[in-house]
């Protein structure tokens, strides 16, 4: 199965021309986050079948993408002198140890520093992503189970205990999510301390252009769209940023798609969609309608319509014999930040 990794998304974007003590420190700090906080050892520092499977998954996913059989040698050995004899001793590394040996390896200069660092950050990205996906799957599984139990007992008029059980499940999930978010915040702070213009969010490490924009718009935005119902919004915006960072085609168009999806989802969720809509403008009208309680003010509606008219529409249709529309880097950044800020504002109003 294909795995999206940081190293390949940014393969044509040079970031590091040397491997320094700062880079070494960041990689070790990130490894310790994964090893001690994301996937810590089990009871009495013993591996379980579940933790072994998790570390094997990390090894398999990254090694496959890098074209390696494994990240480090699983079966190895060494010569030991004993009573004048030199004997070969075999040993097998754990999957955790194999990952550690790869991530924390010394840079030997055999390849570029840029590739070396990107490959290690790809491991960190996959590990955080796997944890995030595991938490989301657990939330869905446990809440569904609790709700099924409550439904059964409601019919029997026995609801007090299952309700308390659901509260306990929610509290435990919230604690797990909060602890994971602490790790995410620390990783992003480590990036900032190392001078890396990078940010981890929702399963991906991506470039962050401006620290103020990151703090005030990007970080709250990614937190808001983490819910499953905003999946298309999240995907289109992540695509927009990847295309911007790698010089790809029309990143602003993908950001506009994310904004349009947000407007449509809100219109659908509030039962304002009537089926006669022909484009983003009609959905904006649904949100600005006085009949619907003016989710948007008239001036906000006009701003959004102008954005889609002047930016999204020219990029969404063939140029024909005219010049292909193109934005400057500054205009592209503004467009993405505009869409992020509006999506954040719209979701916060719900």
Protein backbone atom coordinates (compact mmCIF):
# COMPACT_ATOMS: atom_id res chain seq x y z
CA UNK A 1 0.00 0.00 0.00
CA UNK A 2 1.28 3.46 -0.90
CA UNK A 3 2.17 5.76 1.97
CA UNK A 4 2.35 9.54 1.55
CA UNK A 5 5.67 10.66 3.08
CA UNK A 6 7.26 14.04 3.70
CA UNK A 7 10.45 13.12 1.80
CA UNK A 8 8.62 12.54 -1.48
CA UNK A 9 6.22 15.48 -1.23
CA UNK A 10 9.21 17.80 -0.88
CA UNK A 11 11.76 15.87 -2.95
CA UNK A 12 12.21 18.82 -5.35
CA UNK A 13 12.29 21.46 -2.61
CA UNK A 14 15.83 21.77 -1.15
CA UNK A 15 15.69 22.54 2.58
CA UNK A 16 19.04 21.51 4.06
CA UNK A 17 22.53 21.80 2.55
CA UNK A 18 24.37 20.39 5.58
CA UNK A 19 23.74 18.19 8.60
CA UNK A 20 24.49 20.15 11.75
CA UNK A 21 24.33 19.62 15.51
CA UNK A 22 20.98 21.43 15.44
CA UNK A 23 19.59 18.87 12.98
CA UNK A 24 20.95 15.98 15.03
CA UNK A 25 19.34 17.41 18.16
CA UNK A 26 15.95 17.86 16.47
CA UNK A 27 15.89 14.30 15.14
CA UNK A 28 16.75 12.82 18.55
CA UNK A 29 14.14 14.99 20.26
CA UNK A 30 11.50 13.91 17.72
CA UNK A 31 12.50 10.26 18.11
CA UNK A 32 12.11 10.49 21.88
CA UNK A 33 8.62 11.92 21.45
CA UNK A 34 7.66 8.90 19.35
CA UNK A 35 9.44 6.36 21.53
CA UNK A 36 8.42 7.70 24.94
CA UNK A 37 5.11 9.48 24.38
CA UNK A 38 3.46 8.31 21.15
CA UNK A 39 4.26 4.58 21.37
CA UNK A 40 5.84 4.00 24.80
CA UNK A 41 7.00 0.65 26.15
CA UNK A 42 4.42 -1.53 27.87
CA UNK A 43 4.17 -2.68 31.47
CA UNK A 44 7.61 -3.14 33.07
CA UNK A 45 9.19 -1.94 29.80
CA UNK A 46 8.07 -5.05 27.93
CA UNK A 47 6.86 -5.13 24.37
CA UNK A 48 3.41 -6.57 23.69
CA UNK A 49 2.12 -8.13 20.50
CA UNK A 50 0.26 -4.89 19.80
CA UNK A 51 3.33 -2.65 20.22
CA UNK A 52 5.47 -5.02 18.17
CA UNK A 53 2.88 -4.90 15.39
CA UNK A 54 2.83 -1.11 15.52
CA UNK A 55 6.62 -0.78 15.21
CA UNK A 56 6.69 -3.36 12.42
CA UNK A 57 4.04 -1.30 10.60
CA UNK A 58 6.20 1.83 10.89
CA UNK A 59 9.23 -0.07 9.60
CA UNK A 60 7.31 -1.62 6.72
CA UNK A 61 5.62 1.57 5.56
CA UNK A 62 8.74 3.74 5.46
CA UNK A 63 11.11 1.05 4.17
CA UNK A 64 8.69 0.26 1.33
CA UNK A 65 8.52 3.89 0.22
CA UNK A 66 12.32 4.28 0.44
CA UNK A 67 12.88 1.08 -1.52
CA UNK A 68 14.52 -0.79 1.37
CA UNK A 69 13.85 -4.33 2.56
CA UNK A 70 13.95 -3.04 6.14
CA UNK A 71 15.12 0.09 7.91
CA UNK A 72 17.93 -1.77 9.69
CA UNK A 73 19.22 -5.35 9.81
CA UNK A 74 16.78 -7.46 11.84
CA UNK A 75 19.03 -10.51 12.11
CA UNK A 76 22.64 -9.70 12.92
CA UNK A 77 25.56 -10.95 14.97
CA UNK A 78 29.05 -10.30 16.30
CA UNK A 79 32.21 -12.15 17.20
CA UNK A 80 32.87 -12.78 20.91
CA UNK A 81 36.18 -13.88 22.40
CA UNK A 82 35.81 -16.57 25.08
CA UNK A 83 38.58 -18.71 26.54
CA UNK A 84 40.77 -18.00 23.56
CA UNK A 85 38.08 -18.89 21.05
CA UNK A 86 36.39 -16.43 18.71
CA UNK A 87 32.72 -17.36 18.32
CA UNK A 88 29.96 -15.81 16.23
CA UNK A 89 26.88 -14.81 18.26
CA UNK A 90 23.55 -14.29 16.50
CA UNK A 91 20.85 -11.91 17.72
CA UNK A 92 17.56 -10.46 16.48
CA UNK A 93 16.65 -6.80 16.88
CA UNK A 94 13.17 -5.83 17.96
CA UNK A 95 11.13 -3.77 15.52
CA UNK A 96 11.44 -0.80 17.87
CA UNK A 97 15.22 -1.14 17.92
CA UNK A 98 15.34 -1.35 14.11
CA UNK A 99 13.40 1.90 13.84
CA UNK A 100 15.64 3.56 16.42
CA UNK A 101 18.81 2.43 14.66
CA UNK A 102 17.56 3.96 11.42
CA UNK A 103 16.18 7.25 12.75
CA UNK A 104 19.07 7.94 15.14
CA UNK A 105 21.85 6.82 12.78
CA UNK A 106 24.89 9.06 12.37
CA UNK A 107 25.05 11.00 9.11
CA UNK A 108 27.97 9.48 7.17
CA UNK A 109 27.90 11.81 4.19
CA UNK A 110 27.18 9.03 1.69
CA UNK A 111 24.09 10.89 0.50
CA UNK A 112 22.80 14.43 0.77
CA UNK A 113 21.97 15.98 4.13
CA UNK A 114 18.65 17.08 2.64
CA UNK A 115 17.59 13.52 1.81
CA UNK A 116 18.89 12.17 5.13
CA UNK A 117 16.87 14.63 7.23
CA UNK A 118 13.72 14.34 5.10
CA UNK A 119 13.77 10.54 5.38
CA UNK A 120 14.01 10.71 9.19
CA UNK A 121 11.25 13.31 9.41
CA UNK A 122 9.14 10.99 7.24
CA UNK A 123 9.38 8.36 9.98
CA UNK A 124 8.25 10.91 12.58
CA UNK A 125 5.36 11.94 10.32
CA UNK A 126 4.18 8.36 9.82
CA UNK A 127 4.40 7.61 13.55
CA UNK A 128 2.34 10.66 14.53
CA UNK A 129 -0.14 9.91 11.74
CA UNK A 130 -0.57 6.29 12.88
CA UNK A 131 -1.22 7.44 16.44
CA UNK A 132 -3.73 10.03 15.29
CA UNK A 133 -5.56 7.49 13.13
CA UNK A 134 -5.57 4.96 15.99
CA UNK A 135 -7.12 7.54 18.33
CA UNK A 136 -9.80 8.42 15.76
CA UNK A 137 -10.62 4.74 15.16
CA UNK A 138 -10.82 4.11 18.90
CA UNK A 139 -13.14 7.08 19.38
CA UNK A 140 -15.48 5.87 16.66
CA UNK A 141 -15.42 2.26 17.90
CA UNK A 142 -15.91 2.92 21.60
CA UNK A 143 -18.54 5.63 21.27
CA UNK A 144 -20.50 3.47 18.83
CA UNK A 145 -20.35 0.54 21.27
CA UNK A 146 -21.45 2.75 24.16
CA UNK A 147 -24.35 4.17 22.15
CA UNK A 148 -25.50 0.69 21.12
CA UNK A 149 -25.50 -0.37 24.77
CA UNK A 150 -27.44 2.73 25.81
CA UNK A 151 -30.03 2.11 23.08
CA UNK A 152 -30.58 -1.44 24.33
CA UNK A 153 -30.89 -0.41 27.96
CA UNK A 154 -33.14 2.54 27.19
CA UNK A 155 -35.68 0.04 25.94
CA UNK A 156 -35.40 -1.70 29.32
CA UNK A 157 -35.53 1.64 31.20
CA UNK A 158 -32.05 1.06 32.61
CA UNK A 159 -30.02 4.11 31.62
CA UNK A 160 -28.17 5.43 34.68
CA UNK A 161 -25.16 3.12 34.57
CA UNK A 162 -24.63 3.09 30.79
CA UNK A 163 -24.85 6.88 30.75
CA UNK A 164 -22.06 7.02 33.34
CA UNK A 165 -20.12 4.44 31.31
CA UNK A 166 -20.42 6.67 28.24
CA UNK A 167 -19.16 9.63 30.24
CA UNK A 168 -16.20 7.55 31.39
CA UNK A 169 -15.44 6.51 27.80
CA UNK A 170 -15.60 10.12 26.64
CA UNK A 171 -13.41 11.32 29.50
CA UNK A 172 -10.80 8.66 28.77
CA UNK A 173 -10.81 9.48 25.06
CA UNK A 174 -10.48 13.19 25.80
CA UNK A 175 -7.49 12.50 28.04
CA UNK A 176 -5.82 10.45 25.30
CA UNK A 177 -6.48 13.15 22.69
CA UNK A 178 -5.17 15.89 24.99
CA UNK A 179 -1.98 13.95 25.70
CA UNK A 180 -1.45 13.42 21.97
CA UNK A 181 -2.01 17.12 21.32
CA UNK A 182 0.67 17.94 23.90
CA UNK A 183 3.09 15.80 21.85
CA UNK A 184 2.02 17.55 18.63
CA UNK A 185 2.55 20.95 20.25
CA UNK A 186 5.98 19.90 21.47
CA UNK A 187 7.01 18.61 18.05
CA UNK A 188 5.97 21.89 16.42
CA UNK A 189 7.79 23.86 19.09
CA UNK A 190 10.90 21.74 18.46
CA UNK A 191 10.61 22.62 14.76
CA UNK A 192 10.48 26.30 15.65
CA UNK A 193 13.45 26.06 18.02
CA UNK A 194 15.50 24.34 15.30
CA UNK A 195 14.59 27.06 12.81
CA UNK A 196 12.57 24.66 10.67
CA UNK A 197 9.62 26.32 8.94
CA UNK A 198 7.57 23.15 9.39
CA UNK A 199 4.35 22.26 11.12
CA UNK A 200 2.73 18.89 11.88
CA UNK A 201 -1.06 18.74 11.64
CA UNK A 202 -3.68 16.09 10.84
CA UNK A 203 -1.19 13.43 9.77
CA UNK A 204 1.23 15.55 7.72
CA UNK A 205 4.36 17.63 8.13
CA UNK A 206 4.13 20.66 5.86
CA UNK A 207 5.92 23.95 5.45
CA UNK A 208 4.69 26.97 7.38
CA UNK A 209 5.37 30.32 5.71
CA UNK A 210 4.75 32.71 8.60
CA UNK A 211 4.86 32.06 12.36
CA UNK A 212 2.08 34.57 13.12
CA UNK A 213 -0.20 33.07 10.47
CA UNK A 214 0.62 29.61 11.81
CA UNK A 215 -0.29 30.55 15.38
CA UNK A 216 -3.42 32.59 14.64
CA UNK A 217 -4.88 30.87 11.56
CA UNK A 218 -3.22 27.59 10.55
CA UNK A 219 -3.07 25.78 13.91
CA UNK A 220 -6.71 26.58 14.87
CA UNK A 221 -7.80 25.76 11.31
CA UNK A 222 -6.30 22.25 11.31
CA UNK A 223 -7.81 21.53 14.72
CA UNK A 224 -11.27 22.54 13.51
CA UNK A 225 -11.23 20.42 10.33
CA UNK A 226 -9.96 17.27 12.08
CA UNK A 227 -13.54 16.01 12.43
CA UNK A 228 -14.50 13.41 9.81
CA UNK A 229 -17.26 15.54 8.28
CA UNK A 230 -14.66 18.10 7.14
CA UNK A 231 -12.51 15.43 5.41
CA UNK A 232 -12.84 16.99 1.94
CA UNK A 233 -12.01 20.42 3.31
CA UNK A 234 -8.91 19.06 5.02
CA UNK A 235 -7.80 17.14 1.92
CA UNK A 236 -8.17 20.07 -0.48
CA UNK A 237 -6.36 22.47 1.83
CA UNK A 238 -3.50 20.04 2.43
CA UNK A 239 -3.23 19.64 -1.35
CA UNK A 240 -3.16 23.41 -1.78
CA UNK A 241 -0.25 23.75 0.63
CA UNK A 242 1.69 20.87 -0.94
CA UNK A 243 1.26 22.41 -4.40
CA UNK A 244 2.30 25.84 -3.13
CA UNK A 245 5.42 24.47 -1.47
CA UNK A 246 6.49 22.35 -4.45
CA UNK A 247 5.63 24.79 -7.24
CA UNK A 248 2.64 22.77 -8.44
CA UNK A 249 -0.31 23.97 -10.51
CA UNK A 250 -3.09 26.15 -9.08
CA UNK A 251 -2.75 25.75 -5.29
CA UNK A 252 -5.20 28.63 -4.73
CA UNK A 253 -7.88 26.73 -6.68
CA UNK A 254 -7.66 23.83 -4.25
CA UNK A 255 -7.88 26.23 -1.30
CA UNK A 256 -11.01 27.72 -2.88
CA UNK A 257 -12.45 24.21 -3.25
CA UNK A 258 -11.93 23.71 0.50
CA UNK A 259 -13.81 26.95 1.21
CA UNK A 260 -16.64 26.01 -1.15
CA UNK A 261 -16.94 22.57 0.48
CA UNK A 262 -17.24 24.24 3.89
CA UNK A 263 -20.05 26.49 2.68
CA UNK A 264 -21.90 23.52 1.13
CA UNK A 265 -21.53 21.36 4.25
CA UNK A 266 -22.94 24.10 6.46
CA UNK A 267 -25.82 24.68 4.03
CA UNK A 268 -26.60 20.95 3.99
CA UNK A 269 -26.24 20.55 7.75
CA UNK A 270 -28.65 23.41 8.46
CA UNK A 271 -31.16 22.09 5.87
CA UNK A 272 -30.82 25.26 3.78
CA UNK A 273 -29.88 23.45 0.57
CA UNK A 274 -32.90 23.35 -1.75
CA UNK A 275 -31.46 21.50 -4.73
CA UNK A 276 -31.62 24.39 -7.19
CA UNK A 277 -28.09 25.64 -6.48
CA UNK A 278 -25.86 26.01 -9.54
CA UNK A 279 -22.64 27.07 -7.89
CA UNK A 280 -20.89 28.57 -4.88
CA UNK A 281 -22.84 31.85 -5.20
CA UNK A 282 -26.17 30.12 -4.58
CA UNK A 283 -24.82 28.31 -1.53
CA UNK A 284 -23.52 31.62 -0.18
CA UNK A 285 -27.05 33.01 -0.66
CA UNK A 286 -28.35 30.15 1.49
CA UNK A 287 -26.06 31.24 4.32
CA UNK A 288 -26.89 34.94 3.89
CA UNK A 289 -30.67 34.50 3.59
CA UNK A 290 -32.76 36.43 6.12
CA UNK A 291 -35.14 33.46 6.11
CA UNK A 292 -32.29 31.30 7.36
CA UNK A 293 -31.33 33.74 10.10
CA UNK A 294 -28.46 35.45 8.26
CA UNK A 295 -25.61 33.09 9.04
CA UNK A 296 -23.61 35.56 6.95
CA UNK A 297 -24.11 39.32 6.79
CA UNK A 298 -24.69 40.87 3.37
CA UNK A 299 -21.21 42.41 3.20
CA UNK A 300 -19.63 39.04 4.05
CA UNK A 301 -21.67 37.42 1.31
CA UNK A 302 -20.39 39.95 -1.24
CA UNK A 303 -16.76 39.40 -0.23
CA UNK A 304 -17.08 35.64 -0.68
CA UNK A 305 -18.88 35.97 -4.01
CA UNK A 306 -16.18 38.29 -5.35
CA UNK A 307 -13.49 35.86 -4.27
CA UNK A 308 -15.07 32.98 -6.19
CA UNK A 309 -15.84 35.21 -9.19
CA UNK A 310 -12.40 36.77 -9.51
CA UNK A 311 -10.16 33.90 -8.35
CA UNK A 312 -11.82 30.49 -8.26
CA UNK A 313 -13.80 30.72 -11.50
CA UNK A 314 -10.91 31.72 -13.83
CA UNK A 315 -8.86 28.78 -12.52
CA UNK A 316 -11.78 26.37 -12.64
CA UNK A 317 -12.42 26.78 -16.37
CA UNK A 318 -10.26 26.33 -19.46
CA UNK A 319 -8.48 29.49 -20.60
CA UNK A 320 -9.08 28.79 -24.29
CA UNK A 321 -6.85 31.04 -26.43
CA UNK A 322 -6.37 33.56 -23.60
CA UNK A 323 -3.33 33.60 -21.32
CA UNK A 324 -3.40 31.00 -18.57
CA UNK A 325 -4.30 32.70 -15.27
CA UNK A 326 -1.42 32.77 -12.79
CA UNK A 327 -0.89 34.17 -9.31
CA UNK A 328 2.28 35.52 -7.79
CA UNK A 329 3.71 33.76 -4.73
CA UNK A 330 2.33 36.53 -2.53
CA UNK A 331 -1.13 36.26 -4.09
CA UNK A 332 -1.08 32.48 -3.66
CA UNK A 333 -0.19 32.78 0.03
CA UNK A 334 -2.90 35.40 0.53
CA UNK A 335 -5.50 33.20 -1.19
CA UNK A 336 -4.70 30.18 0.98
CA UNK A 337 -4.69 32.27 4.16
CA UNK A 338 -7.96 33.95 3.08
CA UNK A 339 -9.64 30.56 2.64
CA UNK A 340 -8.26 29.20 5.90
CA UNK A 341 -9.42 32.26 7.84
CA UNK A 342 -12.91 32.11 6.33
CA UNK A 343 -13.27 28.37 6.91
CA UNK A 344 -12.16 28.86 10.52
CA UNK A 345 -14.69 31.68 10.97
CA UNK A 346 -17.56 29.72 9.40
CA UNK A 347 -16.98 26.57 11.45
CA UNK A 348 -16.67 28.56 14.69
CA UNK A 349 -20.15 30.01 14.05
CA UNK A 350 -21.81 26.59 14.12
